[in-house]
Amino acid sequence: MRRFRLPFRSAARGLRVRLVVAFLLAAAFGALLTAGLTFHRARAAILDRAEETAVADLRTQLDSLAPDLTLPPTPEDLRGLTRQIDQAGGARAWHASASYRGGEPVTASPGTPPVPDELRRAVEDSGRAVHQRTEHDGRPWLALGMPVAYTDDSGDTGTGTDAGTGTDADAQADTDTSADAGSLSGLIVYAAFPLDDDRADIDALVTAAEAGAVPALALALVPALFAARSVLRPVRRLRHGAERIAAGELDTRLDAPGRDELADLTRSFNTMAETLERDAAELRRLEAGARRFAADVAHELRTPLAAMAAVTEVLDEDAASGVLPADTEDAVRLISEEVRALARTVEDLMEVSRFDAKAAPVHREDVDLRTLVTKTLQLRGWAHDGRVRADLPEPAPVRVDPRRIDVVLGNLVANALHHGRPPVTVTVRVRGDRVRVTVTDRGPGIPDEALPYVFDRFYKADAARPRSGGSGLGLAIAQENAALNDGTLTAANHPDGGAVFTLTLPSAASSPGTT
């Protein structure tokens, strides 16, 4: 099943997008961290200031009101004291209450929040001023507890120690100073007031932080794009350089300004390209030398082999006439076979050298592939010996070089007879605009490890028997001839056993003109 990739997905995975996103995430994280720390410190400063001011105000009021209170006080005395504290609170909107020697707090205002139990216990146990932040009716409140102590031997009263620093849901007492437990009068005054103004200040901080986050990210986008561009420019140059080298331009070199990692990578790329160019030139030189050597050797052997072939023909006639001794007759036949095999190898080498030099001529004609198959089998004596069968049910018009297709078919059938077992079947089928010829034998097939190499020059599947009747060039020449006729040649194994070679050619309607 073919998969299609959407362009935006590949763009989303691009290095530029990832760099920009990473830069923005880092900027956002830094902005959030800075805003969070700033908010935490500002919030703590606002609350600490409110607590310290409230404790100082309550102490001032008690210092002026507590000396007039008669001990032990009655509930009315306590109620009057709290009323005076509420009235003196002004804009702070005190809600005061008072208790004497552990009694229930008495208040003059019906809307006074209840005194938290933790606050009462903390004040009673420590004998110090304590404050605590609480929630009441969905609003934040600051609750204070301050003990009143005797200030002199005459029985006058005054406030206890300085207030401590309160935290949310925790009552804390000041530990800097302490009152003598014996000087406490037993009177404890509690006061609470809402922190609406302070919460408004804190909310304003949050709003300001949120309002500044978007511009900060927008401003961070500019250096992010600049950083991505500066990083991707050398990467893009490296990609273009790699594409040019892949296209064969081995002389590609890139400028490597700077001393950073990307510059080092560019210099390494140039070193690699230089090495590749040098090695490729050396390989081309060696390959050209090997081809020239093979062509020269084949050319030099051609003339003496022709003379040797003429001599062996005469000797073959003498051997056939019976005038030679038996041992000499066997030797003559052996020499004749080796000379003919050597001559075929030389001809194959000459043909391969023409392929390498791109000098192999191609003369195309409009023919019926069935006719080519029939002539190939007849010329080699395979049409009537029963070892080769032809399955040619329908016309198969092609435009090819008949001589080269004859070489392909002859090499395939000879290979099937030599390495497989008869009967060998040659089948021609038309499939759309392609004509397919298959040559199938009944042998053991091609070993799986040898399949990728059957068309290599001088390759033989059985390494233990390098000496055989073939030169190892037949299938390679067949593939080259198929390619010259715009065809393909493949090898496989039949499920029921035997090797299957398939020659695929374009039909006459889709073939190019004569070369």
Protein backbone atom coordinates (compact mmCIF):
# COMPACT_ATOMS: atom_id res chain seq x y z
CA MET A 1 0.00 0.00 0.00
CA ARG A 2 1.44 3.32 -1.07
CA ARG A 3 1.67 6.00 1.58
CA PHE A 4 1.36 9.71 0.91
CA ARG A 5 3.05 12.23 3.17
CA LEU A 6 1.46 15.61 3.63
CA PRO A 7 3.77 18.62 3.12
CA PHE A 8 2.85 20.30 6.40
CA ARG A 9 3.89 17.21 8.33
CA SER A 10 7.37 17.24 6.84
CA ALA A 11 7.57 20.99 7.42
CA ALA A 12 6.54 20.52 11.04
CA ARG A 13 9.41 18.08 11.45
CA GLY A 14 11.90 20.45 9.82
CA LEU A 15 14.95 21.57 11.72
CA ARG A 16 13.99 25.25 11.40
CA VAL A 17 10.61 24.69 13.04
CA ARG A 18 12.13 22.58 15.79
CA LEU A 19 14.80 25.18 16.52
CA VAL A 20 12.25 28.01 16.67
CA VAL A 21 9.91 25.97 18.86
CA ALA A 22 12.76 24.98 21.18
CA PHE A 23 13.90 28.61 21.41
CA LEU A 24 10.36 29.80 22.18
CA LEU A 25 9.86 27.06 24.75
CA ALA A 26 13.11 28.02 26.44
CA ALA A 27 12.10 31.67 26.39
CA ALA A 28 8.63 30.83 27.70
CA PHE A 29 10.08 28.67 30.47
CA GLY A 30 12.51 31.42 31.45
CA ALA A 31 9.75 34.04 31.40
CA LEU A 32 7.43 31.85 33.44
CA LEU A 33 10.16 31.01 35.93
CA THR A 34 11.11 34.67 36.33
CA ALA A 35 7.47 35.72 36.60
CA GLY A 36 6.78 32.98 39.13
CA LEU A 37 9.71 33.90 41.33
CA THR A 38 8.87 37.61 41.06
CA PHE A 39 5.23 36.93 41.87
CA HIS A 40 6.15 34.78 44.86
CA ARG A 41 8.48 37.41 46.29
CA ALA A 42 6.08 40.29 45.61
CA ARG A 43 3.16 38.37 47.13
CA ALA A 44 5.18 37.54 50.20
CA ALA A 45 6.27 41.19 50.52
CA ILE A 46 2.68 42.47 50.23
CA LEU A 47 1.38 40.02 52.82
CA ASP A 48 4.30 40.58 55.19
CA ARG A 49 3.77 44.32 55.01
CA ALA A 50 0.03 43.94 55.71
CA GLU A 51 0.73 41.65 58.69
CA GLU A 52 3.40 43.86 60.21
CA THR A 53 1.23 46.97 59.82
CA ALA A 54 -1.80 45.23 61.32
CA VAL A 55 0.13 43.97 64.35
CA ALA A 56 1.64 47.42 64.93
CA ASP A 57 -1.79 49.11 64.66
CA LEU A 58 -3.43 46.63 67.04
CA ARG A 59 -0.62 47.04 69.57
CA THR A 60 -0.96 50.82 69.41
CA GLN A 61 -4.69 50.60 70.04
CA LEU A 62 -4.29 48.19 72.93
CA ASP A 63 -1.57 50.32 74.47
CA SER A 64 -4.08 53.17 74.61
CA LEU A 65 -7.23 51.20 75.51
CA ALA A 66 -6.06 48.35 77.73
CA PRO A 67 -4.87 50.54 80.70
CA ASP A 68 -8.45 51.78 81.20
CA LEU A 69 -9.80 48.23 81.48
CA THR A 70 -10.64 46.95 84.99
CA LEU A 71 -9.47 43.45 85.81
CA PRO A 72 -11.05 41.06 86.00
CA PRO A 73 -13.27 42.36 83.17
CA THR A 74 -16.94 41.57 82.78
CA PRO A 75 -18.43 40.50 79.44
CA GLU A 76 -19.70 44.05 79.02
CA ASP A 77 -16.19 45.39 79.62
CA LEU A 78 -14.82 43.02 76.94
CA ARG A 79 -17.60 43.96 74.54
CA GLY A 80 -16.91 47.65 75.11
CA LEU A 81 -13.19 47.10 74.48
CA THR A 82 -13.84 45.31 71.19
CA ARG A 83 -16.29 48.01 70.11
CA GLN A 84 -13.63 50.66 70.69
CA ILE A 85 -11.10 48.60 68.69
CA ASP A 86 -13.57 48.22 65.81
CA GLN A 87 -14.26 51.92 65.79
CA ALA A 88 -10.56 52.78 65.89
CA GLY A 89 -9.81 50.47 62.96
CA GLY A 90 -11.18 52.91 60.40
CA ALA A 91 -10.43 51.84 56.83
CA ARG A 92 -8.94 48.59 58.04
CA ALA A 93 -12.40 47.37 59.11
CA TRP A 94 -11.40 45.59 62.30
CA HIS A 95 -13.59 42.82 63.65
CA ALA A 96 -12.33 42.41 67.22
CA SER A 97 -13.14 39.98 70.03
CA ALA A 98 -11.65 39.40 73.48
CA SER A 99 -11.46 36.60 76.00
CA TYR A 100 -10.32 36.46 79.61
CA ARG A 101 -8.46 33.46 81.05
CA GLY A 102 -9.52 31.00 78.34
CA GLY A 103 -13.13 32.03 78.14
CA GLU A 104 -15.08 32.26 74.93
CA PRO A 105 -14.20 35.35 72.90
CA VAL A 106 -16.69 38.18 73.30
CA THR A 107 -17.37 40.52 70.35
CA ALA A 108 -19.44 43.63 69.77
CA SER A 109 -19.91 42.98 66.03
CA PRO A 110 -22.22 40.18 64.88
CA GLY A 111 -20.24 39.83 61.61
CA THR A 112 -16.97 39.00 63.32
CA PRO A 113 -15.44 35.75 61.98
CA PRO A 114 -14.89 32.99 64.51
CA VAL A 115 -11.43 32.87 66.02
CA PRO A 116 -9.48 29.87 64.60
CA ASP A 117 -8.76 27.24 67.23
CA GLU A 118 -5.10 27.02 66.10
CA LEU A 119 -4.70 30.76 66.69
CA ARG A 120 -6.21 30.59 70.19
CA ARG A 121 -4.00 27.67 71.19
CA ALA A 122 -0.90 29.33 69.77
CA VAL A 123 -1.52 32.56 71.70
CA GLU A 124 -2.42 30.79 74.95
CA ASP A 125 0.55 28.42 74.76
CA SER A 126 3.18 30.94 73.72
CA GLY A 127 1.96 34.10 75.46
CA ARG A 128 3.03 36.06 72.40
CA ALA A 129 1.27 37.95 69.61
CA VAL A 130 0.35 35.59 66.79
CA HIS A 131 -1.16 36.16 63.34
CA GLN A 132 -2.69 33.75 60.84
CA ARG A 133 -4.14 34.03 57.32
CA THR A 134 -7.53 32.31 56.93
CA GLU A 135 -10.50 32.05 54.56
CA HIS A 136 -13.99 33.20 55.57
CA ASP A 137 -17.00 33.33 53.22
CA GLY A 138 -14.67 32.94 50.25
CA ARG A 139 -12.55 35.95 51.21
CA PRO A 140 -8.99 36.05 52.58
CA TRP A 141 -8.69 37.35 56.16
CA LEU A 142 -5.84 38.12 58.51
CA ALA A 143 -6.54 37.07 62.11
CA LEU A 144 -4.44 38.43 65.03
CA GLY A 145 -4.17 37.30 68.61
CA MET A 146 -2.42 39.52 71.16
CA PRO A 147 -2.15 38.84 74.93
CA VAL A 148 -2.33 41.76 77.38
CA ALA A 149 0.24 41.83 80.22
CA TYR A 150 0.65 43.81 83.44
CA THR A 151 3.01 46.67 82.80
CA ASP A 152 3.80 47.57 86.45
CA ASP A 153 3.10 46.58 90.06
CA SER A 154 0.04 48.86 90.27
CA GLY A 155 -1.88 46.45 88.05
CA ASP A 156 -1.94 48.54 84.88
CA THR A 157 -2.02 46.51 81.69
CA GLY A 158 -0.26 46.69 78.34
CA THR A 159 0.34 44.62 75.21
CA GLY A 160 2.42 41.52 75.07
CA THR A 161 5.31 40.82 72.75
CA ASP A 162 5.80 41.91 69.15
CA ALA A 163 3.90 40.09 66.43
CA GLY A 164 5.47 37.26 64.49
CA THR A 165 5.27 36.57 60.78
CA GLY A 166 2.21 34.55 59.74
CA THR A 167 1.84 32.09 56.89
CA ASP A 168 -1.24 30.66 55.16
CA ALA A 169 -3.13 28.25 57.42
CA ASP A 170 -0.32 28.31 60.00
CA ALA A 171 -0.27 30.34 63.24
CA GLN A 172 3.18 31.59 64.19
CA ALA A 173 4.40 33.52 67.22
CA ASP A 174 7.26 35.97 67.41
CA THR A 175 10.35 34.33 68.82
CA ASP A 176 12.48 37.45 69.09
CA THR A 177 11.05 38.52 72.50
CA SER A 178 8.91 36.83 75.13
CA ALA A 179 6.81 37.97 78.05
CA ASP A 180 7.16 36.63 81.51
CA ALA A 181 4.32 34.18 82.00
CA GLY A 182 3.73 35.66 85.45
CA SER A 183 3.10 39.15 84.02
CA LEU A 184 0.27 38.09 81.69
CA SER A 185 -3.11 39.43 82.73
CA GLY A 186 -5.05 36.60 81.12
CA LEU A 187 -6.72 38.99 78.68
CA ILE A 188 -6.30 38.14 75.01
CA VAL A 189 -7.58 40.37 72.24
CA TYR A 190 -8.32 38.95 68.78
CA ALA A 191 -8.82 41.02 65.65
CA ALA A 192 -9.49 40.11 62.02
CA PHE A 193 -9.85 42.14 58.85
CA PRO A 194 -10.26 41.19 55.16
CA LEU A 195 -7.29 41.24 52.78
CA ASP A 196 -9.33 42.31 49.75
CA ASP A 197 -7.04 45.22 48.89
CA ASP A 198 -3.95 43.06 49.18
CA ARG A 199 -5.53 40.35 47.06
CA ALA A 200 -6.40 43.00 44.47
CA ASP A 201 -2.73 44.00 44.40
CA ILE A 202 -1.71 40.36 43.96
CA ASP A 203 -4.28 39.87 41.18
CA ALA A 204 -2.91 42.97 39.48
CA LEU A 205 0.53 41.35 39.55
CA VAL A 206 -0.86 38.20 37.91
CA THR A 207 -2.65 40.25 35.26
CA ALA A 208 0.50 42.21 34.52
CA ALA A 209 2.51 38.99 34.23
CA GLU A 210 -0.04 37.47 31.84
CA ALA A 211 -0.19 40.66 29.78
CA GLY A 212 3.60 40.73 29.47
CA ALA A 213 3.96 37.04 28.54
CA VAL A 214 2.57 37.35 24.99
CA PRO A 215 4.76 40.34 24.00
CA ALA A 216 7.76 38.57 25.53
CA LEU A 217 7.14 35.48 23.38
CA ALA A 218 6.56 37.66 20.31
CA LEU A 219 9.85 39.42 20.94
CA ALA A 220 11.57 36.06 21.51
CA LEU A 221 10.40 34.94 18.05
CA VAL A 222 12.76 37.41 16.34
CA PRO A 223 16.01 36.09 17.88
CA ALA A 224 14.62 32.56 17.47
CA LEU A 225 14.27 33.05 13.71
CA PHE A 226 17.67 34.70 13.53
CA ALA A 227 19.30 31.86 15.48
CA ALA A 228 17.57 29.23 13.34
CA ARG A 229 18.72 30.99 10.18
CA SER A 230 22.31 31.29 11.36
CA VAL A 231 22.37 27.58 12.28
CA LEU A 232 20.57 26.31 9.20
CA ARG A 233 22.53 28.29 6.62
CA PRO A 234 25.67 26.11 6.88
CA VAL A 235 23.49 23.00 7.23
CA ARG A 236 21.70 23.96 4.01
CA ARG A 237 25.04 24.48 2.27
CA LEU A 238 26.15 21.04 3.45
CA ARG A 239 22.95 19.49 2.07
CA HIS A 240 23.43 21.14 -1.33
CA GLY A 241 27.05 20.04 -1.35
CA ALA A 242 26.07 16.45 -0.54
CA GLU A 243 23.46 16.51 -3.32
CA ARG A 244 26.07 17.73 -5.81
CA ILE A 245 28.49 14.99 -4.77
CA ALA A 246 25.69 12.40 -5.08
CA ALA A 247 25.10 13.73 -8.60
CA GLY A 248 28.75 13.05 -9.46
CA GLU A 249 30.28 16.50 -8.94
CA LEU A 250 33.14 15.26 -6.80
CA ASP A 251 35.04 18.56 -7.14
CA THR A 252 32.46 20.26 -4.88
CA ARG A 253 33.99 22.26 -2.03
CA LEU A 254 32.33 24.53 0.54
CA ASP A 255 33.53 27.67 2.30
CA ALA A 256 34.16 27.11 6.01
CA PRO A 257 34.32 30.49 7.75
CA GLY A 258 34.50 30.61 11.53
CA ARG A 259 35.75 28.19 14.16
CA ASP A 260 32.53 26.71 15.52
CA GLU A 261 31.31 23.11 15.25
CA LEU A 262 29.50 23.71 11.95
CA ALA A 263 32.67 25.13 10.44
CA ASP A 264 34.55 22.04 11.60
CA LEU A 265 31.84 19.88 10.03
CA THR A 266 32.18 21.80 6.76
CA ARG A 267 35.95 21.30 6.73
CA SER A 268 35.43 17.59 7.37
CA PHE A 269 32.98 17.55 4.45
CA ASN A 270 35.61 19.13 2.19
CA THR A 271 38.18 16.56 3.31
CA MET A 272 35.71 13.75 2.57
CA ALA A 273 34.93 15.20 -0.87
CA GLU A 274 38.63 15.50 -1.68
CA THR A 275 39.24 11.89 -0.64
CA LEU A 276 36.26 10.69 -2.68
CA GLU A 277 37.45 12.60 -5.74
CA ARG A 278 40.95 11.18 -5.43
CA ASP A 279 39.71 7.60 -4.87
CA ALA A 280 37.18 7.87 -7.71
CA ALA A 281 39.85 9.10 -10.09
CA GLU A 282 42.10 6.23 -9.07
CA LEU A 283 39.28 3.71 -9.51
CA ARG A 284 38.42 5.11 -12.92
CA ARG A 285 42.05 4.88 -13.92
CA LEU A 286 42.34 1.29 -12.73
CA GLU A 287 39.03 0.32 -14.34
CA ALA A 288 39.99 1.92 -17.63
CA GLY A 289 43.33 0.14 -17.49
CA ALA A 290 41.66 -3.22 -16.80
CA ARG A 291 39.20 -2.75 -19.66
CA ARG A 292 41.95 -1.68 -22.02
CA PHE A 293 44.04 -4.66 -20.96
CA ALA A 294 41.17 -7.12 -21.54
CA ALA A 295 40.39 -5.57 -24.93
CA ASP A 296 44.07 -5.60 -25.95
CA VAL A 297 44.52 -9.21 -24.84
CA ALA A 298 41.38 -10.32 -26.66
CA HIS A 299 42.45 -8.45 -29.78
CA GLU A 300 45.95 -9.91 -29.70
CA LEU A 301 44.63 -13.45 -29.18
CA ARG A 302 42.07 -13.20 -31.96
CA THR A 303 44.52 -13.66 -34.88
CA PRO A 304 46.51 -16.61 -33.49
CA LEU A 305 43.30 -18.27 -32.36
CA ALA A 306 41.92 -17.98 -35.88
CA ALA A 307 45.01 -19.75 -37.19
CA MET A 308 44.78 -22.38 -34.47
CA ALA A 309 41.10 -22.92 -35.28
CA ALA A 310 41.97 -23.51 -38.95
CA VAL A 311 44.64 -26.02 -37.98
CA THR A 312 42.32 -27.86 -35.59
CA GLU A 313 39.71 -28.17 -38.34
CA VAL A 314 42.25 -30.01 -40.48
CA LEU A 315 43.22 -32.18 -37.54
CA ASP A 316 39.56 -32.90 -36.83
CA GLU A 317 39.16 -34.16 -40.41
CA ASP A 318 42.19 -36.43 -39.98
CA ALA A 319 40.82 -37.69 -36.66
CA ALA A 320 37.45 -38.38 -38.23
CA SER A 321 39.06 -40.30 -41.11
CA GLY A 322 40.78 -42.70 -38.71
CA VAL A 323 44.31 -42.17 -40.05
CA LEU A 324 45.61 -41.06 -36.68
CA PRO A 325 46.51 -43.33 -33.79
CA ALA A 326 43.90 -43.58 -31.04
CA ASP A 327 45.93 -41.58 -28.49
CA THR A 328 46.68 -38.85 -31.04
CA GLU A 329 43.03 -38.78 -32.08
CA ASP A 330 41.91 -38.17 -28.46
CA ALA A 331 44.49 -35.44 -28.04
CA VAL A 332 43.38 -33.75 -31.26
CA ARG A 333 39.75 -33.73 -30.17
CA LEU A 334 40.71 -32.31 -26.74
CA ILE A 335 42.81 -29.56 -28.32
CA SER A 336 40.00 -28.72 -30.75
CA GLU A 337 37.47 -28.35 -27.93
CA GLU A 338 39.79 -26.12 -25.89
CA VAL A 339 40.62 -23.95 -28.90
CA ARG A 340 36.92 -23.47 -29.67
CA ALA A 341 36.18 -22.65 -26.01
CA LEU A 342 39.07 -20.16 -25.96
CA ALA A 343 37.84 -18.60 -29.17
CA ARG A 344 34.36 -18.17 -27.69
CA THR A 345 35.85 -16.57 -24.58
CA VAL A 346 37.87 -14.14 -26.69
CA GLU A 347 34.76 -13.21 -28.68
CA ASP A 348 32.88 -12.67 -25.43
CA LEU A 349 35.67 -10.44 -24.15
CA MET A 350 35.58 -8.41 -27.34
CA GLU A 351 31.83 -7.98 -26.95
CA VAL A 352 32.21 -6.92 -23.31
CA SER A 353 34.85 -4.37 -24.27
CA ARG A 354 32.42 -2.90 -26.80
CA PHE A 355 29.77 -2.64 -24.07
CA ASP A 356 32.22 -0.86 -21.77
CA ALA A 357 33.26 1.53 -24.51
CA LYS A 358 29.58 2.28 -25.34
CA ALA A 359 30.40 1.23 -28.89
CA ALA A 360 28.01 -1.69 -29.30
CA PRO A 361 25.82 -0.95 -32.36
CA VAL A 362 22.07 -1.60 -32.23
CA HIS A 363 20.00 -2.09 -35.40
CA ARG A 364 16.32 -2.33 -34.57
CA GLU A 365 13.69 -4.01 -36.70
CA ASP A 366 9.97 -4.69 -36.32
CA VAL A 367 9.70 -8.45 -35.80
CA ASP A 368 7.48 -10.99 -34.12
CA LEU A 369 9.26 -12.32 -31.05
CA ARG A 370 7.85 -15.77 -31.79
CA THR A 371 9.86 -15.78 -35.03
CA LEU A 372 13.06 -14.90 -33.18
CA VAL A 373 12.51 -17.70 -30.66
CA THR A 374 11.86 -20.25 -33.41
CA LYS A 375 14.98 -19.24 -35.39
CA THR A 376 17.16 -19.33 -32.28
CA LEU A 377 16.09 -22.88 -31.47
CA GLN A 378 16.48 -24.05 -35.09
CA LEU A 379 19.93 -22.52 -35.63
CA ARG A 380 21.29 -24.30 -32.55
CA GLY A 381 19.58 -27.61 -33.22
CA TRP A 382 17.25 -27.40 -30.22
CA ALA A 383 13.98 -27.32 -32.15
CA HIS A 384 13.64 -31.05 -32.73
CA ASP A 385 15.75 -32.82 -30.09
CA GLY A 386 12.97 -32.77 -27.46
CA ARG A 387 15.02 -30.99 -24.80
CA VAL A 388 13.54 -27.54 -25.51
CA ARG A 389 9.85 -26.72 -25.82
CA ALA A 390 8.37 -23.49 -27.17
CA ASP A 391 5.06 -22.07 -25.93
CA LEU A 392 4.13 -19.33 -28.42
CA PRO A 393 0.33 -18.89 -28.38
CA GLU A 394 -0.06 -15.30 -29.63
CA PRO A 395 1.72 -12.71 -31.78
CA ALA A 396 4.30 -10.65 -29.91
CA PRO A 397 5.42 -7.68 -32.04
CA VAL A 398 8.60 -5.97 -30.84
CA ARG A 399 11.12 -3.49 -32.24
CA VAL A 400 14.54 -4.85 -31.37
CA ASP A 401 17.93 -5.81 -32.76
CA PRO A 402 17.30 -9.43 -33.86
CA ARG A 403 20.98 -10.43 -33.59
CA ARG A 404 21.28 -9.25 -30.00
CA ILE A 405 17.97 -10.80 -28.91
CA ASP A 406 19.17 -14.07 -30.53
CA VAL A 407 22.29 -13.86 -28.35
CA VAL A 408 20.13 -13.33 -25.25
CA LEU A 409 17.83 -16.26 -26.01
CA GLY A 410 20.70 -18.53 -27.01
CA ASN A 411 22.65 -17.80 -23.80
CA LEU A 412 19.57 -18.33 -21.62
CA VAL A 413 18.62 -21.67 -23.20
CA ALA A 414 22.24 -22.89 -23.23
CA ASN A 415 22.59 -21.94 -19.56
CA ALA A 416 19.36 -23.82 -18.72
CA LEU A 417 20.53 -26.94 -20.56
CA HIS A 418 23.99 -26.81 -19.01
CA HIS A 419 23.10 -26.07 -15.38
CA GLY A 420 19.50 -27.34 -15.20
CA ARG A 421 17.67 -30.35 -16.54
CA PRO A 422 15.48 -30.70 -19.64
CA PRO A 423 12.90 -30.15 -20.77
CA VAL A 424 13.51 -26.40 -21.00
CA THR A 425 10.39 -24.34 -21.74
CA VAL A 426 10.50 -21.04 -23.63
CA THR A 427 7.25 -19.09 -23.16
CA VAL A 428 6.21 -15.82 -24.83
CA ARG A 429 3.38 -13.73 -23.39
CA VAL A 430 2.07 -10.20 -24.08
CA ARG A 431 1.17 -8.15 -21.02
CA GLY A 432 -0.15 -4.72 -21.99
CA ASP A 433 2.66 -2.74 -23.56
CA ARG A 434 5.30 -5.28 -22.53
CA VAL A 435 6.31 -8.62 -24.05
CA ARG A 436 7.70 -11.22 -21.68
CA VAL A 437 9.86 -14.24 -22.51
CA THR A 438 10.51 -16.82 -19.78
CA VAL A 439 13.06 -19.65 -19.95
CA THR A 440 12.34 -22.32 -17.34
CA ASP A 441 14.30 -25.53 -16.66
CA ARG A 442 13.65 -28.53 -14.41
CA GLY A 443 16.94 -28.44 -12.52
CA PRO A 444 17.70 -27.76 -8.86
CA GLY A 445 17.41 -24.00 -9.32
CA ILE A 446 19.80 -21.23 -8.35
CA PRO A 447 21.15 -21.12 -4.77
CA ASP A 448 19.64 -18.23 -2.84
CA GLU A 449 23.05 -16.78 -2.04
CA ALA A 450 23.93 -16.78 -5.77
CA LEU A 451 20.78 -15.06 -7.08
CA PRO A 452 22.07 -11.48 -6.65
CA TYR A 453 25.25 -12.29 -8.60
CA VAL A 454 24.17 -14.49 -11.53
CA PHE A 455 24.57 -11.61 -14.00
CA ASP A 456 28.02 -10.60 -12.74
CA ARG A 457 30.95 -11.16 -15.06
CA PHE A 458 32.93 -14.36 -14.50
CA TYR A 459 30.65 -15.33 -11.60
CA LYS A 460 30.08 -19.05 -11.08
CA ALA A 461 27.70 -20.33 -8.43
CA ASP A 462 29.78 -23.45 -7.69
CA ALA A 463 33.09 -22.10 -6.41
CA ALA A 464 34.40 -25.62 -5.95
CA ARG A 465 34.19 -26.22 -9.72
CA PRO A 466 35.62 -23.09 -11.32
CA ARG A 467 36.53 -24.97 -14.50
CA SER A 468 33.39 -25.46 -16.60
CA GLY A 469 32.29 -25.31 -20.22
CA GLY A 470 31.35 -21.63 -20.01
CA SER A 471 33.38 -18.46 -19.68
CA GLY A 472 31.18 -16.92 -16.99
CA LEU A 473 30.25 -14.09 -19.35
CA GLY A 474 27.13 -15.47 -21.04
CA LEU A 475 24.52 -14.13 -18.63
CA ALA A 476 26.35 -10.81 -18.26
CA ILE A 477 26.35 -10.39 -22.06
CA ALA A 478 22.67 -11.38 -22.18
CA GLN A 479 21.78 -8.68 -19.64
CA GLU A 480 23.78 -6.04 -21.53
CA ASN A 481 22.03 -6.94 -24.79
CA ALA A 482 18.64 -6.79 -23.08
CA ALA A 483 19.42 -3.31 -21.76
CA LEU A 484 20.53 -2.15 -25.25
CA ASN A 485 17.03 -3.09 -26.47
CA ASP A 486 15.33 -1.19 -23.60
CA GLY A 487 14.52 -4.45 -21.85
CA THR A 488 15.23 -6.11 -18.52
CA LEU A 489 16.49 -9.54 -17.58
CA THR A 490 15.81 -11.11 -14.19
CA ALA A 491 16.48 -14.46 -12.53
CA ALA A 492 14.41 -16.36 -9.97
CA ASN A 493 13.50 -19.86 -8.83
CA HIS A 494 10.24 -21.59 -9.72
CA PRO A 495 8.14 -22.72 -6.73
CA ASP A 496 8.11 -26.27 -8.13
CA GLY A 497 11.86 -26.29 -8.76
CA GLY A 498 14.12 -25.04 -11.50
CA ALA A 499 15.45 -21.66 -12.50
CA VAL A 500 13.33 -19.05 -14.29
CA PHE A 501 14.92 -16.31 -16.41
CA THR A 502 12.56 -13.57 -17.59
CA LEU A 503 13.30 -11.21 -20.50
CA THR A 504 10.90 -8.24 -20.65
CA LEU A 505 10.80 -6.03 -23.77
CA PRO A 506 8.61 -3.13 -24.83
CA SER A 507 6.06 -3.97 -27.49
CA ALA A 508 6.42 -2.52 -30.97
CA ALA A 509 3.90 0.26 -30.18
CA SER A 510 5.97 1.62 -27.26
CA SER A 511 9.50 1.00 -28.61
CA PRO A 512 11.80 3.87 -29.70
CA GLY A 513 12.95 4.31 -33.25
CA THR A 514 15.94 2.70 -34.95
CA THR A 515 19.33 3.47 -33.46
